C-alpha cells in the first residue's frame, strides 16, 4: 500500500511539473535526454519496457533533426552504465527487494558518463535544431 501511495505521489509530482519543466528544456535537450531514457528501457528484461523504449526512440528519430548517428554515443553510455548493475531497488514489507527499472531509467540521464554523452550530442545537434 505504501509503495502504491508513494508511486501515486511521485507521478502526481511529475504531472504537476511536467509542462512547466518541459518548457524550460530545449527541443534538442528533450530529444537527447529522451533518447537516453528510451535506450535504457530497451535494455530491460520486461518485453513491455523494451517495446516502449523502442517506440519512444523511434519517435525521437522520426521527429529529430541532424545526424541520428550522434545518438549512438548516448546509447553506448547508457548501455555501459547499465552494465555496472546499479538497479534502483525498493525494500518492501514481506516481499523483500523489488527492482525499479523505470526509476533507474529516469535517473540514468544524471549519471556522469551518460550526462557527458548527452552534452556532446546536444552540442552536435543544436545547429540542426536551430534551422527548424
N, C-alpha and C. Protein backbone atom coordinates (compact mmCIF):
# COMPACT_ATOMS: atom_id res chain seq x y z
N UNK A 1 0.82 -1.19 0.00
CA UNK A 1 0.00 0.00 0.00
C UNK A 1 0.87 1.26 0.00
N UNK A 2 1.90 1.26 0.86
CA UNK A 2 2.78 2.43 0.92
C UNK A 2 3.50 2.64 -0.41
N UNK A 3 3.87 1.54 -1.06
CA UNK A 3 4.54 1.65 -2.34
C UNK A 3 3.62 2.29 -3.37
N UNK A 4 2.38 1.84 -3.42
CA UNK A 4 1.41 2.39 -4.37
C UNK A 4 1.16 3.86 -4.09
N UNK A 5 1.03 4.22 -2.81
CA UNK A 5 0.81 5.62 -2.46
C UNK A 5 2.01 6.47 -2.84
N UNK A 6 3.20 5.94 -2.59
CA UNK A 6 4.42 6.67 -2.96
C UNK A 6 4.51 6.88 -4.46
N UNK A 7 4.18 5.83 -5.22
CA UNK A 7 4.21 5.93 -6.68
C UNK A 7 3.20 6.95 -7.18
N UNK A 8 2.00 6.96 -6.59
CA UNK A 8 0.98 7.93 -6.98
C UNK A 8 1.46 9.35 -6.71
N UNK A 9 2.08 9.57 -5.56
CA UNK A 9 2.59 10.90 -5.23
C UNK A 9 3.70 11.31 -6.19
N UNK A 10 4.59 10.37 -6.52
CA UNK A 10 5.67 10.64 -7.45
C UNK A 10 5.12 11.01 -8.82
N UNK A 11 4.17 10.23 -9.32
CA UNK A 11 3.57 10.52 -10.62
C UNK A 11 2.80 11.83 -10.61
N UNK A 12 2.12 12.12 -9.53
CA UNK A 12 1.39 13.39 -9.42
C UNK A 12 2.36 14.55 -9.46
N UNK A 13 3.50 14.40 -8.82
CA UNK A 13 4.52 15.45 -8.85
C UNK A 13 5.06 15.66 -10.25
N UNK A 14 5.30 14.56 -10.97
CA UNK A 14 5.76 14.67 -12.35
C UNK A 14 4.71 15.35 -13.22
N UNK A 15 3.46 14.98 -13.03
CA UNK A 15 2.39 15.56 -13.84
C UNK A 15 2.26 17.05 -13.57
N UNK A 16 2.38 17.43 -12.32
CA UNK A 16 2.26 18.85 -11.97
C UNK A 16 3.42 19.65 -12.53
N UNK A 17 4.63 19.07 -12.53
CA UNK A 17 5.81 19.79 -13.00
C UNK A 17 6.02 19.60 -14.50
N UNK A 18 5.34 18.62 -15.09
CA UNK A 18 5.57 18.25 -16.47
C UNK A 18 5.60 19.38 -17.47
N UNK A 19 4.50 20.07 -17.72
CA UNK A 19 4.51 21.12 -18.74
C UNK A 19 5.49 22.25 -18.44
N UNK A 20 5.57 22.67 -17.20
CA UNK A 20 6.48 23.76 -16.85
C UNK A 20 7.92 23.32 -17.02
N UNK A 21 8.23 22.11 -16.56
CA UNK A 21 9.60 21.61 -16.66
C UNK A 21 9.98 21.39 -18.12
N UNK A 22 9.06 20.87 -18.92
CA UNK A 22 9.34 20.63 -20.32
C UNK A 22 9.58 21.93 -21.07
N UNK A 23 8.89 22.98 -20.70
CA UNK A 23 9.05 24.27 -21.36
C UNK A 23 10.43 24.86 -21.12
N UNK A 24 11.06 24.48 -20.02
CA UNK A 24 12.37 25.01 -19.70
C UNK A 24 13.49 24.34 -20.49
N UNK A 25 13.24 23.17 -21.04
CA UNK A 25 14.24 22.46 -21.81
C UNK A 25 14.07 22.76 -23.29
N UNK A 26 15.18 22.81 -24.00
CA UNK A 26 15.11 22.99 -25.44
C UNK A 26 14.65 21.68 -26.08
N UNK A 27 14.22 21.77 -27.32
CA UNK A 27 13.78 20.57 -28.04
C UNK A 27 14.92 19.57 -28.20
N UNK A 28 16.12 20.07 -28.46
CA UNK A 28 17.25 19.16 -28.63
C UNK A 28 17.58 18.46 -27.31
N UNK A 29 17.53 19.18 -26.20
CA UNK A 29 17.80 18.56 -24.91
C UNK A 29 16.72 17.52 -24.58
N UNK A 30 15.46 17.88 -24.82
CA UNK A 30 14.37 16.94 -24.57
C UNK A 30 14.56 15.66 -25.37
N UNK A 31 14.91 15.80 -26.65
CA UNK A 31 15.06 14.63 -27.50
C UNK A 31 16.27 13.78 -27.11
N UNK A 32 17.39 14.41 -26.81
CA UNK A 32 18.59 13.64 -26.46
C UNK A 32 18.41 12.94 -25.11
N UNK A 33 17.87 13.64 -24.13
CA UNK A 33 17.61 13.00 -22.84
C UNK A 33 16.56 11.91 -22.98
N UNK A 34 15.53 12.17 -23.76
CA UNK A 34 14.51 11.15 -24.00
C UNK A 34 15.09 9.92 -24.67
N UNK A 35 16.01 10.13 -25.60
CA UNK A 35 16.65 9.01 -26.27
C UNK A 35 17.46 8.18 -25.29
N UNK A 36 18.12 8.83 -24.35
CA UNK A 36 18.89 8.11 -23.33
C UNK A 36 17.96 7.24 -22.48
N UNK A 37 16.85 7.81 -22.05
CA UNK A 37 15.89 7.06 -21.24
C UNK A 37 15.28 5.91 -22.05
N UNK A 38 14.93 6.19 -23.30
CA UNK A 38 14.37 5.15 -24.16
C UNK A 38 15.38 4.03 -24.38
N UNK A 39 16.65 4.38 -24.55
CA UNK A 39 17.70 3.37 -24.72
C UNK A 39 17.80 2.49 -23.48
N UNK A 40 17.65 3.10 -22.33
CA UNK A 40 17.67 2.34 -21.08
C UNK A 40 16.51 1.35 -21.04
N UNK A 41 15.34 1.80 -21.43
CA UNK A 41 14.17 0.92 -21.42
C UNK A 41 14.35 -0.27 -22.35
N UNK A 42 14.98 -0.05 -23.51
CA UNK A 42 15.16 -1.16 -24.45
C UNK A 42 16.10 -2.22 -23.92
N UNK A 43 16.90 -1.89 -22.92
CA UNK A 43 17.82 -2.87 -22.33
C UNK A 43 17.25 -3.58 -21.10
N UNK A 44 16.00 -3.36 -20.79
CA UNK A 44 15.38 -4.02 -19.64
C UNK A 44 14.90 -5.42 -20.03
N UNK A 45 14.65 -6.24 -19.02
CA UNK A 45 14.22 -7.62 -19.25
C UNK A 45 12.76 -7.75 -19.67
N UNK A 46 11.93 -6.82 -19.24
CA UNK A 46 10.49 -6.91 -19.49
C UNK A 46 10.17 -6.50 -20.94
N UNK A 47 9.42 -7.35 -21.62
CA UNK A 47 9.08 -7.10 -23.03
C UNK A 47 8.35 -5.78 -23.21
N UNK A 48 7.44 -5.46 -22.29
CA UNK A 48 6.68 -4.21 -22.40
C UNK A 48 7.61 -3.00 -22.35
N UNK A 49 8.58 -3.01 -21.44
CA UNK A 49 9.51 -1.89 -21.33
C UNK A 49 10.38 -1.79 -22.58
N UNK A 50 10.84 -2.94 -23.08
CA UNK A 50 11.63 -2.95 -24.32
C UNK A 50 10.84 -2.33 -25.47
N UNK A 51 9.58 -2.74 -25.59
CA UNK A 51 8.73 -2.24 -26.66
C UNK A 51 8.50 -0.73 -26.54
N UNK A 52 8.22 -0.27 -25.33
CA UNK A 52 8.01 1.16 -25.10
C UNK A 52 9.28 1.95 -25.40
N UNK A 53 10.42 1.43 -24.98
CA UNK A 53 11.69 2.11 -25.25
C UNK A 53 11.98 2.20 -26.73
N UNK A 54 11.74 1.12 -27.43
CA UNK A 54 11.96 1.10 -28.88
C UNK A 54 11.04 2.08 -29.59
N UNK A 55 9.77 2.10 -29.18
CA UNK A 55 8.82 3.03 -29.81
C UNK A 55 9.19 4.48 -29.51
N UNK A 56 9.58 4.76 -28.27
CA UNK A 56 9.97 6.13 -27.88
C UNK A 56 11.19 6.58 -28.68
N UNK A 57 12.20 5.70 -28.78
CA UNK A 57 13.39 6.03 -29.55
C UNK A 57 13.04 6.28 -31.02
N UNK A 58 12.13 5.50 -31.56
CA UNK A 58 11.71 5.69 -32.96
C UNK A 58 11.05 7.04 -33.17
N UNK A 59 10.20 7.45 -32.24
CA UNK A 59 9.55 8.76 -32.34
C UNK A 59 10.61 9.86 -32.34
N UNK A 60 11.58 9.75 -31.46
CA UNK A 60 12.63 10.77 -31.39
C UNK A 60 13.42 10.82 -32.69
N UNK A 61 13.74 9.67 -33.24
CA UNK A 61 14.48 9.64 -34.51
C UNK A 61 13.66 10.22 -35.65
N UNK A 62 12.35 9.97 -35.64
CA UNK A 62 11.49 10.48 -36.71
C UNK A 62 11.30 11.99 -36.64
N UNK A 63 11.16 12.53 -35.44
CA UNK A 63 10.92 13.98 -35.32
C UNK A 63 12.19 14.79 -35.16
N UNK A 64 13.30 14.11 -34.86
CA UNK A 64 14.55 14.80 -34.57
C UNK A 64 15.17 15.44 -35.80
N UNK A 65 16.24 16.16 -35.55
CA UNK A 65 16.96 16.86 -36.61
C UNK A 65 18.44 16.53 -36.47
N UNK A 66 19.17 16.63 -37.57
CA UNK A 66 20.60 16.35 -37.53
C UNK A 66 20.87 14.87 -37.76
N UNK A 67 22.13 14.51 -37.60
CA UNK A 67 22.58 13.14 -37.84
C UNK A 67 22.16 12.22 -36.69
N UNK A 68 21.29 11.27 -36.96
CA UNK A 68 20.85 10.37 -35.88
C UNK A 68 21.97 9.52 -35.31
N UNK A 69 23.06 9.34 -36.06
CA UNK A 69 24.19 8.57 -35.55
C UNK A 69 24.84 9.26 -34.34
N UNK A 70 24.58 10.53 -34.16
CA UNK A 70 25.09 11.26 -33.00
C UNK A 70 24.55 10.65 -31.71
N UNK A 71 23.37 10.08 -31.77
CA UNK A 71 22.76 9.49 -30.58
C UNK A 71 23.35 8.13 -30.21
N UNK A 72 24.15 7.55 -31.09
CA UNK A 72 24.76 6.25 -30.80
C UNK A 72 25.66 6.32 -29.57
N UNK A 73 26.38 7.41 -29.40
CA UNK A 73 27.25 7.55 -28.23
C UNK A 73 26.44 7.64 -26.94
N UNK A 74 25.26 8.24 -27.03
CA UNK A 74 24.37 8.31 -25.86
C UNK A 74 23.91 6.91 -25.49
N UNK A 75 23.46 6.15 -26.48
CA UNK A 75 23.01 4.78 -26.23
C UNK A 75 24.15 3.93 -25.68
N UNK A 76 25.37 4.11 -26.18
CA UNK A 76 26.52 3.34 -25.69
C UNK A 76 26.83 3.69 -24.24
N UNK A 77 26.72 4.97 -23.89
CA UNK A 77 26.96 5.38 -22.50
C UNK A 77 25.91 4.80 -21.57
N UNK A 78 24.68 4.76 -22.03
CA UNK A 78 23.59 4.16 -21.23
C UNK A 78 23.85 2.67 -21.04
N UNK A 79 24.21 1.99 -22.10
CA UNK A 79 24.47 0.55 -22.03
C UNK A 79 25.63 0.27 -21.06
N UNK A 80 26.68 1.07 -21.11
CA UNK A 80 27.81 0.89 -20.21
C UNK A 80 27.41 1.12 -18.75
N UNK A 81 26.57 2.13 -18.54
CA UNK A 81 26.10 2.41 -17.17
C UNK A 81 25.23 1.27 -16.65
N UNK A 82 24.36 0.74 -17.49
CA UNK A 82 23.51 -0.38 -17.08
C UNK A 82 24.34 -1.63 -16.77
N UNK A 83 25.45 -1.80 -17.48
CA UNK A 83 26.31 -2.95 -17.26
C UNK A 83 26.93 -2.94 -15.86
N UNK A 84 26.97 -1.77 -15.24
CA UNK A 84 27.50 -1.67 -13.88
C UNK A 84 26.58 -2.35 -12.87
N UNK A 85 25.31 -2.52 -13.25
CA UNK A 85 24.37 -3.25 -12.41
C UNK A 85 23.78 -2.47 -11.26
N UNK A 86 23.74 -1.17 -11.36
CA UNK A 86 23.19 -0.34 -10.28
C UNK A 86 21.70 -0.09 -10.46
N UNK A 87 20.92 -1.16 -10.35
CA UNK A 87 19.47 -1.05 -10.48
C UNK A 87 18.88 -0.46 -9.20
N UNK A 88 17.98 0.50 -9.35
CA UNK A 88 17.26 1.03 -8.19
C UNK A 88 16.39 -0.08 -7.61
N UNK A 89 16.34 -0.16 -6.30
CA UNK A 89 15.60 -1.22 -5.63
C UNK A 89 14.85 -0.62 -4.45
N UNK A 90 13.66 -1.14 -4.21
CA UNK A 90 12.91 -0.77 -3.01
C UNK A 90 12.73 -2.03 -2.18
N UNK A 91 12.87 -1.86 -0.89
CA UNK A 91 12.66 -2.98 0.03
C UNK A 91 11.25 -2.84 0.59
N UNK A 92 10.42 -3.86 0.33
CA UNK A 92 9.03 -3.80 0.74
C UNK A 92 8.78 -4.80 1.87
N UNK A 93 7.72 -4.55 2.58
CA UNK A 93 7.35 -5.45 3.67
C UNK A 93 6.90 -6.80 3.12
N UNK A 94 7.51 -7.84 3.61
CA UNK A 94 7.07 -9.18 3.25
C UNK A 94 7.61 -9.74 1.95
N UNK A 95 7.81 -8.92 0.95
CA UNK A 95 8.24 -9.44 -0.35
C UNK A 95 9.72 -9.24 -0.61
N UNK A 96 10.42 -8.51 0.24
CA UNK A 96 11.85 -8.30 0.04
C UNK A 96 12.13 -7.18 -0.93
N UNK A 97 13.16 -7.34 -1.71
CA UNK A 97 13.60 -6.29 -2.64
C UNK A 97 12.84 -6.38 -3.96
N UNK A 98 12.54 -5.21 -4.50
CA UNK A 98 11.85 -5.13 -5.79
C UNK A 98 12.63 -4.17 -6.68
N UNK A 99 13.03 -4.64 -7.85
CA UNK A 99 13.77 -3.82 -8.81
C UNK A 99 12.85 -2.75 -9.39
N UNK A 100 13.41 -1.57 -9.64
CA UNK A 100 12.65 -0.44 -10.19
C UNK A 100 13.31 0.05 -11.48
N UNK A 101 13.06 -0.66 -12.59
CA UNK A 101 13.69 -0.26 -13.84
C UNK A 101 13.25 1.12 -14.34
N UNK A 102 12.01 1.52 -14.09
CA UNK A 102 11.57 2.85 -14.54
C UNK A 102 12.32 3.94 -13.81
N UNK A 103 12.51 3.79 -12.51
CA UNK A 103 13.28 4.78 -11.75
C UNK A 103 14.73 4.79 -12.22
N UNK A 104 15.29 3.62 -12.45
CA UNK A 104 16.66 3.53 -12.94
C UNK A 104 16.81 4.26 -14.26
N UNK A 105 15.88 4.04 -15.18
CA UNK A 105 15.96 4.69 -16.49
C UNK A 105 15.70 6.18 -16.40
N UNK A 106 14.83 6.59 -15.51
CA UNK A 106 14.58 8.01 -15.31
C UNK A 106 15.84 8.72 -14.82
N UNK A 107 16.57 8.08 -13.93
CA UNK A 107 17.73 8.72 -13.32
C UNK A 107 19.03 8.49 -14.09
N UNK A 108 19.00 7.68 -15.13
CA UNK A 108 20.23 7.36 -15.86
C UNK A 108 20.82 8.59 -16.53
N UNK A 109 19.98 9.57 -16.87
CA UNK A 109 20.49 10.77 -17.53
C UNK A 109 21.35 11.62 -16.60
N UNK A 110 21.33 11.33 -15.31
CA UNK A 110 22.14 12.08 -14.36
C UNK A 110 23.46 11.39 -14.01
N UNK A 111 23.69 10.21 -14.55
CA UNK A 111 24.97 9.53 -14.33
C UNK A 111 26.04 10.26 -15.13
N UNK A 112 27.21 10.39 -14.55
CA UNK A 112 28.27 11.23 -15.12
C UNK A 112 28.58 10.93 -16.59
N UNK A 113 28.84 9.67 -16.92
CA UNK A 113 29.21 9.31 -18.30
C UNK A 113 28.05 9.54 -19.27
N UNK A 114 26.84 9.26 -18.83
CA UNK A 114 25.67 9.47 -19.68
C UNK A 114 25.44 10.97 -19.88
N UNK A 115 25.56 11.75 -18.83
CA UNK A 115 25.39 13.20 -18.93
C UNK A 115 26.42 13.79 -19.89
N UNK A 116 27.66 13.28 -19.83
CA UNK A 116 28.71 13.76 -20.73
C UNK A 116 28.35 13.46 -22.18
N UNK A 117 27.86 12.26 -22.45
CA UNK A 117 27.44 11.89 -23.81
C UNK A 117 26.25 12.72 -24.26
N UNK A 118 25.33 13.01 -23.34
CA UNK A 118 24.17 13.85 -23.66
C UNK A 118 24.63 15.25 -24.05
N UNK A 119 25.51 15.83 -23.25
CA UNK A 119 26.01 17.18 -23.56
C UNK A 119 26.68 17.23 -24.93
N UNK A 120 27.51 16.23 -25.23
CA UNK A 120 28.20 16.20 -26.51
C UNK A 120 27.20 16.09 -27.67
N UNK A 121 26.19 15.27 -27.51
CA UNK A 121 25.17 15.12 -28.56
C UNK A 121 24.38 16.42 -28.74
N UNK A 122 24.06 17.07 -27.64
CA UNK A 122 23.33 18.35 -27.73
C UNK A 122 24.15 19.38 -28.50
N UNK A 123 25.44 19.45 -28.20
CA UNK A 123 26.32 20.40 -28.91
C UNK A 123 26.32 20.10 -30.40
N UNK A 124 26.44 18.83 -30.76
CA UNK A 124 26.48 18.46 -32.18
C UNK A 124 25.15 18.68 -32.89
N UNK A 125 24.05 18.45 -32.20
CA UNK A 125 22.73 18.52 -32.85
C UNK A 125 22.09 19.90 -32.81
N UNK A 126 22.52 20.77 -31.92
CA UNK A 126 21.88 22.08 -31.77
C UNK A 126 21.78 22.87 -33.07
N UNK A 127 22.84 22.93 -33.89
CA UNK A 127 22.69 23.70 -35.15
C UNK A 127 21.56 23.19 -36.03
N UNK A 128 21.38 21.88 -36.10
CA UNK A 128 20.29 21.32 -36.92
C UNK A 128 18.93 21.67 -36.33
N UNK A 129 18.80 21.71 -35.03
CA UNK A 129 17.54 22.06 -34.39
C UNK A 129 17.24 23.55 -34.58
N UNK A 130 18.25 24.36 -34.62
CA UNK A 130 18.04 25.82 -34.82
C UNK A 130 17.54 26.13 -36.21
N UNK A 131 17.92 25.30 -37.19
CA UNK A 131 17.49 25.54 -38.57
C UNK A 131 16.02 25.23 -38.78
N UNK A 132 15.39 24.60 -37.84
CA UNK A 132 13.98 24.19 -37.98
C UNK A 132 13.05 25.22 -37.44
